[in-house]
Amino acid sequence: MTAAHCLRQVGIVKVKGKTEAIKLYELTADEQNAFLQQFRDVWDSIDKNELEHARLLPKSLIEQRPDDRVCMMMFSKVEQALSAGGLFDPIIEMQEK
């Protein structure tokens, strides 16, 4: 990885048959630094359990990049957490190997 690349955390995944979840990252180009910082802010808000704030951030990211499936997934998970009383589970459980 060079200085011209960054990592974006896209989720926490637990694979069928495993007990531990792992963080999953995407390698991206450096030109996306402002976008990536906004995306990190979403994770920071989730870590602080500030879900109302976290709901707004992916919405603005989706407006910038409507085809970004990671942002769509993040927005959906935050919405689900808010409708379930604010319990956010960041782990995506894979049902198939």
C-alpha atoms as a PDB file:
ATOM      1  CA  MET A   1       0.000   0.000   0.000  1.00  0.00           C
ATOM      2  CA  THR A   2       1.385   3.422  -0.933  1.00  0.00           C
ATOM      3  CA  ALA A   3       0.704   6.855   0.525  1.00  0.00           C
ATOM      4  CA  ALA A   4      -1.734   7.381  -2.345  1.00  0.00           C
ATOM      5  CA  HIS A   5      -4.112   4.779  -0.918  1.00  0.00           C
ATOM      6  CA  CYS A   6      -6.352   4.630   2.143  1.00  0.00           C
ATOM      7  CA  LEU A   7      -8.369   1.985   3.929  1.00  0.00           C
ATOM      8  CA  ARG A   8     -12.092   2.324   4.589  1.00  0.00           C
ATOM      9  CA  GLN A   9     -13.692   0.117   7.205  1.00  0.00           C
ATOM     10  CA  VAL A  10     -16.765  -1.313   5.535  1.00  0.00           C
ATOM     11  CA  GLY A  11     -18.032  -3.467   8.349  1.00  0.00           C
ATOM     12  CA  ILE A  12     -17.490  -6.171  10.900  1.00  0.00           C
ATOM     13  CA  VAL A  13     -18.143  -9.659   9.585  1.00  0.00           C
ATOM     14  CA  LYS A  14     -18.715 -12.959  11.330  1.00  0.00           C
ATOM     15  CA  VAL A  15     -18.429 -15.947   9.006  1.00  0.00           C
ATOM     16  CA  LYS A  16     -20.617 -19.029   9.463  1.00  0.00           C
ATOM     17  CA  GLY A  17     -18.904 -21.549  11.717  1.00  0.00           C
ATOM     18  CA  LYS A  18     -16.608 -18.968  13.372  1.00  0.00           C
ATOM     19  CA  THR A  19     -17.061 -17.336  16.758  1.00  0.00           C
ATOM     20  CA  GLU A  20     -14.941 -14.233  16.214  1.00  0.00           C
ATOM     21  CA  ALA A  21     -15.926 -11.335  14.001  1.00  0.00           C
ATOM     22  CA  ILE A  22     -13.300  -9.498  11.938  1.00  0.00           C
ATOM     23  CA  LYS A  23     -13.155  -5.977  10.580  1.00  0.00           C
ATOM     24  CA  LEU A  24     -13.421  -5.765   6.822  1.00  0.00           C
ATOM     25  CA  TYR A  25     -11.642  -2.982   4.923  1.00  0.00           C
ATOM     26  CA  GLU A  26     -11.695  -1.640   1.384  1.00  0.00           C
ATOM     27  CA  LEU A  27      -8.595  -0.232  -0.291  1.00  0.00           C
ATOM     28  CA  THR A  28      -9.394   3.129  -1.897  1.00  0.00           C
ATOM     29  CA  ALA A  29      -7.631   5.907  -3.764  1.00  0.00           C
ATOM     30  CA  ASP A  30      -6.239   8.936  -1.906  1.00  0.00           C
ATOM     31  CA  GLU A  31      -8.441  11.344  -3.879  1.00  0.00           C
ATOM     32  CA  GLN A  32     -11.360  10.319  -1.649  1.00  0.00           C
ATOM     33  CA  ASN A  33      -9.877  11.692   1.589  1.00  0.00           C
ATOM     34  CA  ALA A  34     -12.778  14.053   2.458  1.00  0.00           C
ATOM     35  CA  PHE A  35     -15.318  11.347   1.705  1.00  0.00           C
ATOM     36  CA  LEU A  36     -13.375   8.799   3.774  1.00  0.00           C
ATOM     37  CA  GLN A  37     -13.167  11.185   6.719  1.00  0.00           C
ATOM     38  CA  GLN A  38     -16.934  11.633   6.638  1.00  0.00           C
ATOM     39  CA  PHE A  39     -17.312   7.862   6.540  1.00  0.00           C
ATOM     40  CA  ARG A  40     -14.999   7.508   9.574  1.00  0.00           C
ATOM     41  CA  ASP A  41     -17.196  10.064  11.342  1.00  0.00           C
ATOM     42  CA  VAL A  42     -20.122   7.664  10.909  1.00  0.00           C
ATOM     43  CA  TRP A  43     -18.197   4.898  12.705  1.00  0.00           C
ATOM     44  CA  ASP A  44     -17.133   7.366  15.416  1.00  0.00           C
ATOM     45  CA  SER A  45     -20.769   8.368  15.978  1.00  0.00           C
ATOM     46  CA  ILE A  46     -21.791   4.713  16.151  1.00  0.00           C
ATOM     47  CA  ASP A  47     -19.011   3.977  18.644  1.00  0.00           C
ATOM     48  CA  LYS A  48     -20.314   6.834  20.822  1.00  0.00           C
ATOM     49  CA  ASN A  49     -23.901   5.542  20.383  1.00  0.00           C
ATOM     50  CA  GLU A  50     -24.888   8.827  18.692  1.00  0.00           C
ATOM     51  CA  LEU A  51     -27.200   7.100  16.229  1.00  0.00           C
ATOM     52  CA  GLU A  52     -29.281  10.158  15.343  1.00  0.00           C
ATOM     53  CA  HIS A  53     -26.082  11.888  14.249  1.00  0.00           C
ATOM     54  CA  ALA A  54     -24.873   8.715  12.528  1.00  0.00           C
ATOM     55  CA  ARG A  55     -28.144   8.612  10.547  1.00  0.00           C
ATOM     56  CA  LEU A  56     -27.459  12.007   8.968  1.00  0.00           C
ATOM     57  CA  LEU A  57     -23.908  11.254   7.876  1.00  0.00           C
ATOM     58  CA  PRO A  58     -24.540   8.274   5.570  1.00  0.00           C
ATOM     59  CA  LYS A  59     -27.456  10.161   4.044  1.00  0.00           C
ATOM     60  CA  SER A  60     -25.100  12.935   2.944  1.00  0.00           C
ATOM     61  CA  LEU A  61     -22.559  10.361   1.722  1.00  0.00           C
ATOM     62  CA  ILE A  62     -25.262   8.631  -0.326  1.00  0.00           C
ATOM     63  CA  GLU A  63     -26.134  11.987  -1.905  1.00  0.00           C
ATOM     64  CA  GLN A  64     -22.474  12.343  -2.932  1.00  0.00           C
ATOM     65  CA  ARG A  65     -22.192   8.755  -4.187  1.00  0.00           C
ATOM     66  CA  PRO A  66     -25.598   7.189  -4.809  1.00  0.00           C
ATOM     67  CA  ASP A  67     -24.035   3.940  -6.066  1.00  0.00           C
ATOM     68  CA  ASP A  68     -21.938   3.329  -2.942  1.00  0.00           C
ATOM     69  CA  ARG A  69     -23.384   0.091  -1.539  1.00  0.00           C
ATOM     70  CA  VAL A  70     -21.349   0.323   1.658  1.00  0.00           C
ATOM     71  CA  CYS A  71     -22.971   3.661   2.526  1.00  0.00           C
ATOM     72  CA  MET A  72     -26.393   2.227   1.715  1.00  0.00           C
ATOM     73  CA  MET A  73     -25.730  -0.729   4.008  1.00  0.00           C
ATOM     74  CA  MET A  74     -24.499   1.539   6.808  1.00  0.00           C
ATOM     75  CA  PHE A  75     -27.540   3.816   6.515  1.00  0.00           C
ATOM     76  CA  SER A  76     -29.843   0.781   6.572  1.00  0.00           C
ATOM     77  CA  LYS A  77     -28.173  -0.662   9.699  1.00  0.00           C
ATOM     78  CA  VAL A  78     -28.426   2.677  11.528  1.00  0.00           C
ATOM     79  CA  GLU A  79     -32.109   2.978  10.557  1.00  0.00           C
ATOM     80  CA  GLN A  80     -32.763  -0.570  11.815  1.00  0.00           C
ATOM     81  CA  ALA A  81     -31.025   0.219  15.095  1.00  0.00           C
ATOM     82  CA  LEU A  82     -33.076   3.362  15.631  1.00  0.00           C
ATOM     83  CA  SER A  83     -36.339   1.546  14.940  1.00  0.00           C
ATOM     84  CA  ALA A  84     -35.268  -1.213  17.376  1.00  0.00           C
ATOM     85  CA  GLY A  85     -34.780   1.183  20.267  1.00  0.00           C
ATOM     86  CA  GLY A  86     -31.217   2.282  19.545  1.00  0.00           C
ATOM     87  CA  LEU A  87     -29.456  -1.070  19.773  1.00  0.00           C
ATOM     88  CA  PHE A  88     -26.815  -1.052  17.055  1.00  0.00           C
ATOM     89  CA  ASP A  89     -25.178  -4.346  16.168  1.00  0.00           C
ATOM     90  CA  PRO A  90     -22.288  -3.639  13.794  1.00  0.00           C
ATOM     91  CA  ILE A  91     -21.680  -7.316  13.008  1.00  0.00           C
ATOM     92  CA  ILE A  92     -22.831  -8.717   9.689  1.00  0.00           C
ATOM     93  CA  GLU A  93     -23.333 -12.453  10.083  1.00  0.00           C
ATOM     94  CA  MET A  94     -22.610 -14.514   6.974  1.00  0.00           C
ATOM     95  CA  GLN A  95     -24.973 -17.501   6.800  1.00  0.00           C
ATOM     96  CA  GLU A  96     -23.071 -19.316   4.044  1.00  0.00           C
ATOM     97  CA  LYS A  97     -19.406 -20.202   3.653  1.00  0.00           C
END
